[in-house]
Amino acid sequence: MPAEAPSEVHADAWATAAAEDLEAERARRRARHGTPPGSAAEEFRKLVDAVAGKLSDLQSPLLGAVAGPAAQQVVRQVVQQAKAAVEPVIERNPDVFDHLAAAGSELLAAYRSAVQDQERRWTARDTPPRDPGERRDPGDEPGTGERIDLD
């Protein structure tokens, strides 16, 4: 008796299984560590939205109760104009923000390296510690004090 052929053969079962495993692993990591940060462009967009929200909600005690609503409207308009100017830049150049973030990380690493090297030089002891009785400046020598009459 011939073996029965499966009713439906999936052309790329291995790729489907690997994709399912990968998605399950991502879900497990999200559950354990939270949502990973997005691209630099997405994070910049979130920052702009958060700053815009805070500025829009800002109450100005300096303008008083009368000018308050008008001032808030002006702030909202300025925030909307800024967002309208930033959004197309983010949309057209998302890779630029990734490159800027990478460059910033490299600059931070270089700064840390320089600071650590300098600290190492400052804390290195090339000479043996001095004797506490040893004087550094010739002016520290005990002198023959003179009496000065201030009257």
C-alpha atoms as a PDB file:
ATOM      1  CA  MET A   1       0.000   0.000   0.000  1.00  0.00           C
ATOM      2  CA  PRO A   2       1.545   3.373  -0.999  1.00  0.00           C
ATOM      3  CA  ALA A   3       2.123   6.025   1.632  1.00  0.00           C
ATOM      4  CA  GLU A   4      -0.453   8.724   1.605  1.00  0.00           C
ATOM      5  CA  ALA A   5       0.745  12.129   0.450  1.00  0.00           C
ATOM      6  CA  PRO A   6       0.038  14.991   2.818  1.00  0.00           C
ATOM      7  CA  SER A   7      -3.017  16.923   1.786  1.00  0.00           C
ATOM      8  CA  GLU A   8      -1.132  20.201   1.818  1.00  0.00           C
ATOM      9  CA  VAL A   9       2.605  20.536   1.383  1.00  0.00           C
ATOM     10  CA  HIS A  10       4.167  23.767   2.542  1.00  0.00           C
ATOM     11  CA  ALA A  11       6.887  24.873   0.156  1.00  0.00           C
ATOM     12  CA  ASP A  12       9.139  26.425   2.805  1.00  0.00           C
ATOM     13  CA  ALA A  13       8.210  24.800   6.107  1.00  0.00           C
ATOM     14  CA  TRP A  14      11.712  25.346   7.529  1.00  0.00           C
ATOM     15  CA  ALA A  15      11.586  29.125   6.987  1.00  0.00           C
ATOM     16  CA  THR A  16       8.087  29.291   8.481  1.00  0.00           C
ATOM     17  CA  ALA A  17       9.141  27.337  11.570  1.00  0.00           C
ATOM     18  CA  ALA A  18      12.257  29.487  12.008  1.00  0.00           C
ATOM     19  CA  ALA A  19      10.194  32.677  11.702  1.00  0.00           C
ATOM     20  CA  GLU A  20       7.719  31.383  14.287  1.00  0.00           C
ATOM     21  CA  ASP A  21      10.557  30.487  16.657  1.00  0.00           C
ATOM     22  CA  LEU A  22      12.136  33.903  16.159  1.00  0.00           C
ATOM     23  CA  GLU A  23       8.841  35.668  16.879  1.00  0.00           C
ATOM     24  CA  ALA A  24       8.319  33.538  20.008  1.00  0.00           C
ATOM     25  CA  GLU A  25      11.828  34.457  21.199  1.00  0.00           C
ATOM     26  CA  ARG A  26      11.157  38.155  20.574  1.00  0.00           C
ATOM     27  CA  ALA A  27       7.894  37.933  22.524  1.00  0.00           C
ATOM     28  CA  ARG A  28       9.707  36.226  25.404  1.00  0.00           C
ATOM     29  CA  ARG A  29      12.381  38.959  25.454  1.00  0.00           C
ATOM     30  CA  ARG A  30       9.749  41.728  25.320  1.00  0.00           C
ATOM     31  CA  ALA A  31       7.967  40.111  28.267  1.00  0.00           C
ATOM     32  CA  ARG A  32      11.209  39.867  30.239  1.00  0.00           C
ATOM     33  CA  HIS A  33      12.990  43.113  29.284  1.00  0.00           C
ATOM     34  CA  GLY A  34      10.234  45.352  27.926  1.00  0.00           C
ATOM     35  CA  THR A  35       9.956  46.842  24.478  1.00  0.00           C
ATOM     36  CA  PRO A  36      13.359  47.526  22.926  1.00  0.00           C
ATOM     37  CA  PRO A  37      14.071  51.084  21.825  1.00  0.00           C
ATOM     38  CA  GLY A  38      13.218  51.937  18.243  1.00  0.00           C
ATOM     39  CA  SER A  39      15.437  53.530  15.685  1.00  0.00           C
ATOM     40  CA  ALA A  40      17.048  56.874  16.421  1.00  0.00           C
ATOM     41  CA  ALA A  41      14.477  58.580  14.178  1.00  0.00           C
ATOM     42  CA  GLU A  42      11.584  57.003  16.111  1.00  0.00           C
ATOM     43  CA  GLU A  43      13.142  57.972  19.419  1.00  0.00           C
ATOM     44  CA  PHE A  44      13.692  61.544  18.190  1.00  0.00           C
ATOM     45  CA  ARG A  45      10.051  61.699  17.088  1.00  0.00           C
ATOM     46  CA  LYS A  46       8.986  60.519  20.580  1.00  0.00           C
ATOM     47  CA  LEU A  47      11.194  63.197  22.138  1.00  0.00           C
ATOM     48  CA  VAL A  48       9.695  65.924  19.942  1.00  0.00           C
ATOM     49  CA  ASP A  49       6.173  64.739  20.806  1.00  0.00           C
ATOM     50  CA  ALA A  50       6.958  64.644  24.537  1.00  0.00           C
ATOM     51  CA  VAL A  51       8.513  68.124  24.533  1.00  0.00           C
ATOM     52  CA  ALA A  52       5.624  69.469  22.450  1.00  0.00           C
ATOM     53  CA  GLY A  53       3.128  67.969  24.883  1.00  0.00           C
ATOM     54  CA  LYS A  54       4.887  69.486  27.889  1.00  0.00           C
ATOM     55  CA  LEU A  55       5.136  72.901  26.259  1.00  0.00           C
ATOM     56  CA  SER A  56       1.477  72.834  25.245  1.00  0.00           C
ATOM     57  CA  ASP A  57       0.413  71.977  28.807  1.00  0.00           C
ATOM     58  CA  LEU A  58       2.695  74.589  30.363  1.00  0.00           C
ATOM     59  CA  GLN A  59       0.907  77.243  32.414  1.00  0.00           C
ATOM     60  CA  SER A  60       2.716  80.560  32.517  1.00  0.00           C
ATOM     61  CA  PRO A  61       2.394  82.364  35.851  1.00  0.00           C
ATOM     62  CA  LEU A  62       4.241  85.372  34.427  1.00  0.00           C
ATOM     63  CA  LEU A  63       1.492  86.242  31.953  1.00  0.00           C
ATOM     64  CA  GLY A  64      -1.348  86.263  34.437  1.00  0.00           C
ATOM     65  CA  ALA A  65      -4.897  84.947  34.107  1.00  0.00           C
ATOM     66  CA  VAL A  66      -5.924  87.323  31.307  1.00  0.00           C
ATOM     67  CA  ALA A  67      -3.050  86.632  28.924  1.00  0.00           C
ATOM     68  CA  GLY A  68      -2.856  82.935  29.867  1.00  0.00           C
ATOM     69  CA  PRO A  69      -5.231  81.463  27.240  1.00  0.00           C
ATOM     70  CA  ALA A  70      -3.853  83.656  24.471  1.00  0.00           C
ATOM     71  CA  ALA A  71      -0.276  82.788  25.431  1.00  0.00           C
ATOM     72  CA  GLN A  72      -1.117  79.093  25.506  1.00  0.00           C
ATOM     73  CA  GLN A  73      -2.594  79.361  22.013  1.00  0.00           C
ATOM     74  CA  VAL A  74       0.602  81.037  20.753  1.00  0.00           C
ATOM     75  CA  VAL A  75       2.720  78.294  22.375  1.00  0.00           C
ATOM     76  CA  ARG A  76       0.552  75.607  20.753  1.00  0.00           C
ATOM     77  CA  GLN A  77       0.925  77.254  17.347  1.00  0.00           C
ATOM     78  CA  VAL A  78       4.705  77.497  17.712  1.00  0.00           C
ATOM     79  CA  VAL A  79       4.891  73.860  18.818  1.00  0.00           C
ATOM     80  CA  GLN A  80       2.769  72.743  15.845  1.00  0.00           C
ATOM     81  CA  GLN A  81       4.953  74.740  13.451  1.00  0.00           C
ATOM     82  CA  ALA A  82       8.103  73.203  14.930  1.00  0.00           C
ATOM     83  CA  LYS A  83       6.648  69.706  14.648  1.00  0.00           C
ATOM     84  CA  ALA A  84       5.601  70.421  11.053  1.00  0.00           C
ATOM     85  CA  ALA A  85       9.169  71.485  10.273  1.00  0.00           C
ATOM     86  CA  VAL A  86      10.833  68.523  12.021  1.00  0.00           C
ATOM     87  CA  GLU A  87       8.528  65.751  10.804  1.00  0.00           C
ATOM     88  CA  PRO A  88       9.491  65.921   7.091  1.00  0.00           C
ATOM     89  CA  VAL A  89      13.176  65.903   8.017  1.00  0.00           C
ATOM     90  CA  ILE A  90      12.663  62.752  10.070  1.00  0.00           C
ATOM     91  CA  GLU A  91      10.628  61.126   7.285  1.00  0.00           C
ATOM     92  CA  ARG A  92      13.137  61.923   4.527  1.00  0.00           C
ATOM     93  CA  ASN A  93      16.308  61.125   6.469  1.00  0.00           C
ATOM     94  CA  PRO A  94      15.712  58.412   9.093  1.00  0.00           C
ATOM     95  CA  ASP A  95      19.208  56.985   8.539  1.00  0.00           C
ATOM     96  CA  VAL A  96      20.794  60.322   9.389  1.00  0.00           C
ATOM     97  CA  PHE A  97      19.544  60.021  12.960  1.00  0.00           C
ATOM     98  CA  ASP A  98      20.991  56.512  13.245  1.00  0.00           C
ATOM     99  CA  HIS A  99      24.340  57.826  12.008  1.00  0.00           C
ATOM    100  CA  LEU A 100      24.204  60.770  14.418  1.00  0.00           C
ATOM    101  CA  ALA A 101      23.400  58.421  17.303  1.00  0.00           C
ATOM    102  CA  ALA A 102      26.321  56.163  16.334  1.00  0.00           C
ATOM    103  CA  ALA A 103      28.641  59.173  16.034  1.00  0.00           C
ATOM    104  CA  GLY A 104      27.536  60.386  19.451  1.00  0.00           C
ATOM    105  CA  SER A 105      28.281  56.968  20.928  1.00  0.00           C
ATOM    106  CA  GLU A 106      31.731  56.994  19.341  1.00  0.00           C
ATOM    107  CA  LEU A 107      32.445  60.485  20.694  1.00  0.00           C
ATOM    108  CA  LEU A 108      31.339  59.404  24.164  1.00  0.00           C
ATOM    109  CA  ALA A 109      33.596  56.335  23.991  1.00  0.00           C
ATOM    110  CA  ALA A 110      36.554  58.496  22.903  1.00  0.00           C
ATOM    111  CA  TYR A 111      35.889  60.965  25.740  1.00  0.00           C
ATOM    112  CA  ARG A 112      35.685  58.156  28.299  1.00  0.00           C
ATOM    113  CA  SER A 113      38.938  56.699  27.007  1.00  0.00           C
ATOM    114  CA  ALA A 114      40.704  60.054  27.252  1.00  0.00           C
ATOM    115  CA  VAL A 115      39.384  60.692  30.762  1.00  0.00           C
ATOM    116  CA  GLN A 116      40.347  57.219  31.954  1.00  0.00           C
ATOM    117  CA  ASP A 117      43.863  57.603  30.536  1.00  0.00           C
ATOM    118  CA  GLN A 118      44.258  60.986  32.227  1.00  0.00           C
ATOM    119  CA  GLU A 119      42.969  59.636  35.547  1.00  0.00           C
ATOM    120  CA  ARG A 120      45.421  56.759  35.273  1.00  0.00           C
ATOM    121  CA  ARG A 121      48.286  59.222  34.802  1.00  0.00           C
ATOM    122  CA  TRP A 122      47.114  61.366  37.714  1.00  0.00           C
ATOM    123  CA  THR A 123      46.859  58.436  40.055  1.00  0.00           C
ATOM    124  CA  ALA A 124      50.043  56.638  38.953  1.00  0.00           C
ATOM    125  CA  ARG A 125      52.908  56.903  41.428  1.00  0.00           C
ATOM    126  CA  ASP A 126      56.150  57.294  39.474  1.00  0.00           C
ATOM    127  CA  THR A 127      58.039  58.614  42.478  1.00  0.00           C
ATOM    128  CA  PRO A 128      58.108  57.141  45.958  1.00  0.00           C
ATOM    129  CA  PRO A 129      55.921  58.917  48.516  1.00  0.00           C
ATOM    130  CA  ARG A 130      57.608  61.857  50.251  1.00  0.00           C
ATOM    131  CA  ASP A 131      58.646  61.918  53.846  1.00  0.00           C
ATOM    132  CA  PRO A 132      56.124  64.016  55.815  1.00  0.00           C
ATOM    133  CA  GLY A 133      59.022  65.939  57.372  1.00  0.00           C
ATOM    134  CA  GLU A 134      60.353  66.891  53.958  1.00  0.00           C
ATOM    135  CA  ARG A 135      59.629  70.490  52.974  1.00  0.00           C
ATOM    136  CA  ARG A 136      58.578  71.395  49.443  1.00  0.00           C
ATOM    137  CA  ASP A 137      59.147  75.152  49.296  1.00  0.00           C
ATOM    138  CA  PRO A 138      62.168  77.009  50.587  1.00  0.00           C
ATOM    139  CA  GLY A 139      59.774  79.542  52.123  1.00  0.00           C
ATOM    140  CA  ASP A 140      58.469  76.837  54.441  1.00  0.00           C
ATOM    141  CA  GLU A 141      61.730  76.852  56.415  1.00  0.00           C
ATOM    142  CA  PRO A 142      61.350  78.123  59.941  1.00  0.00           C
ATOM    143  CA  GLY A 143      62.708  81.636  60.071  1.00  0.00           C
ATOM    144  CA  THR A 144      64.022  83.958  62.696  1.00  0.00           C
ATOM    145  CA  GLY A 145      60.843  85.871  63.367  1.00  0.00           C
ATOM    146  CA  GLU A 146      61.025  89.665  63.789  1.00  0.00           C
ATOM    147  CA  ARG A 147      58.867  91.565  66.187  1.00  0.00           C
ATOM    148  CA  ILE A 148      56.870  94.315  64.495  1.00  0.00           C
ATOM    149  CA  ASP A 149      55.546  97.125  66.671  1.00  0.00           C
ATOM    150  CA  LEU A 150      52.130  98.205  65.370  1.00  0.00           C
ATOM    151  CA  ASP A 151      51.658 101.087  67.838  1.00  0.00           C
END
